[in-house]
Structure formats: C-alpha cells, structure tokens
C-alpha cells in the first residue's frame, strides 16, 4: 500500500482512503509471491441504476494503474537484461559463423 501511495503522490495524484463492505479474491495470489492491493474510486449509490462517480477519481485511478503496470514491465525488462548480461559473462553466448 505504501508503494502505491508514494507513487501517486510523486505524480501528484490525489489519494483517498476508505473502508468498504465489499471484498475481492486477490488473497489467493499472495501465496505465490504476488502483492495484492485493493484499488477503487469513491461512488454514491453503488450497484444501482443511479450510481455516481467523479470522473476525476476514475482518471486518477487509471493513472495509478498505468504507472504500476509500467513500473512492473520496466522492472521485468531490467531483470531479463541482467540475466542476459550474466549469461554472456559466463561464456554462454555462442554465435554461429
């Protein structure tokens, strides 16, 4: 949670905290080493035909999700590159002539 909040603040995205009566099933993934953070936006009259949301809140959430995904991809690319460098350093790269 702290990582998400720090990322949002670093990009000047407003963050709100709240407690809901709902839930999710993300906990099943934590046993495999994944992090799970419930993200959402404030609504009124949830799950009704008159449900309301502020588009600024939805936009802020979309920016946070985009930043998290981008960071994850960049981190993975760096890991793959590091593995390739180590592999080359061990003499594991063979070129055909």
Protein backbone atom coordinates (compact mmCIF):
# COMPACT_ATOMS: atom_id res chain seq x y z
CA UNK A 1 0.00 0.00 0.00
CA UNK A 2 2.80 2.40 0.87
CA UNK A 3 4.33 1.91 -2.59
CA UNK A 4 1.06 2.80 -4.31
CA UNK A 5 0.54 5.90 -2.16
CA UNK A 6 4.14 7.06 -2.69
CA UNK A 7 3.81 6.55 -6.45
CA UNK A 8 0.56 8.51 -6.56
CA UNK A 9 1.96 11.37 -4.51
CA UNK A 10 5.13 11.50 -6.62
CA UNK A 11 2.92 12.05 -9.67
CA UNK A 12 0.56 14.49 -7.90
CA UNK A 13 -2.40 12.10 -8.00
CA UNK A 14 -4.81 12.64 -5.09
CA UNK A 15 -5.25 9.61 -2.82
CA UNK A 16 -8.22 8.82 -0.60
CA UNK A 17 -8.52 6.08 2.00
CA UNK A 18 -11.74 4.33 2.79
CA UNK A 19 -13.28 1.21 4.21
CA UNK A 20 -15.87 -0.70 2.24
CA UNK A 21 -18.18 -3.55 2.94
CA UNK A 22 -17.05 -5.33 -0.22
CA UNK A 23 -14.14 -7.59 -0.89
CA UNK A 24 -12.09 -9.31 -3.55
CA UNK A 25 -10.41 -12.63 -4.17
CA UNK A 26 -6.83 -11.35 -4.64
CA UNK A 27 -5.57 -13.01 -1.45
CA UNK A 28 -5.23 -16.32 -3.30
CA UNK A 29 -2.34 -14.85 -5.34
CA UNK A 30 -0.31 -13.71 -2.33
CA UNK A 31 0.76 -17.28 -1.56
CA UNK A 32 2.66 -17.23 -4.87
CA UNK A 33 4.60 -14.08 -4.00
CA UNK A 34 2.33 -11.52 -5.64
CA UNK A 35 1.34 -8.34 -3.89
CA UNK A 36 -2.35 -7.55 -3.58
CA UNK A 37 -3.76 -4.07 -3.01
CA UNK A 38 -7.44 -3.25 -3.43
CA UNK A 39 -7.82 -0.11 -5.52
CA UNK A 40 -11.06 1.67 -6.26
CA UNK A 41 -12.76 5.02 -6.53
CA UNK A 42 -15.45 6.65 -4.42
CA UNK A 43 -19.04 6.16 -5.53
CA UNK A 44 -22.51 7.02 -4.37
CA UNK A 45 -25.46 4.67 -4.68
CA UNK A 46 -23.20 1.73 -5.56
CA UNK A 47 -24.67 -1.10 -7.66
CA UNK A 48 -27.80 0.86 -8.50
CA UNK A 49 -29.05 2.47 -11.72
CA UNK A 50 -28.25 5.86 -10.14
CA UNK A 51 -24.61 5.07 -9.20
CA UNK A 52 -22.42 8.18 -9.33
CA UNK A 53 -18.66 8.69 -9.61
CA UNK A 54 -16.49 11.71 -10.22
CA UNK A 55 -14.58 11.28 -13.48
CA UNK A 56 -11.52 12.90 -11.86
CA UNK A 57 -11.39 10.00 -9.38
CA UNK A 58 -11.67 7.41 -12.15
CA UNK A 59 -8.98 9.21 -14.17
CA UNK A 60 -6.67 9.31 -11.14
CA UNK A 61 -7.13 5.58 -10.60
CA UNK A 62 -6.39 4.87 -14.26
CA UNK A 63 -3.15 6.87 -13.97
CA UNK A 64 -2.11 4.93 -10.86
CA UNK A 65 -2.82 1.60 -12.60
CA UNK A 66 -0.85 2.72 -15.67
CA UNK A 67 2.12 3.77 -13.53
CA UNK A 68 2.09 0.49 -11.59
CA UNK A 69 1.94 -1.57 -14.79
CA UNK A 70 4.70 0.48 -16.41
CA UNK A 71 6.96 0.10 -13.38
CA UNK A 72 6.33 -3.63 -13.33
CA UNK A 73 7.22 -4.03 -17.01
CA UNK A 74 10.35 -1.88 -16.69
CA UNK A 75 11.45 -3.87 -13.63
CA UNK A 76 10.96 -7.15 -15.52
CA UNK A 77 12.89 -5.90 -18.56
CA UNK A 78 15.78 -4.94 -16.29
CA UNK A 79 15.73 -8.41 -14.72
CA UNK A 80 15.80 -10.08 -18.14
CA UNK A 81 18.64 -7.82 -19.32
CA UNK A 82 20.60 -8.57 -16.15
CA UNK A 83 20.18 -12.31 -16.75
CA UNK A 84 21.40 -11.89 -20.33
CA UNK A 85 24.46 -9.96 -19.16
CA UNK A 86 25.29 -12.62 -16.57
CA UNK A 87 24.75 -15.35 -19.15
CA UNK A 88 27.11 -13.62 -21.60
CA UNK A 89 29.65 -13.10 -18.84
CA UNK A 90 29.69 -16.85 -18.17
CA UNK A 91 30.51 -17.57 -21.79
CA UNK A 92 27.05 -18.91 -22.53
CA UNK A 93 26.57 -16.97 -25.75
CA UNK A 94 27.59 -18.89 -28.86
CA UNK A 95 27.38 -17.34 -32.29
CA UNK A 96 27.23 -19.35 -35.46
CA UNK A 97 29.63 -18.33 -38.20
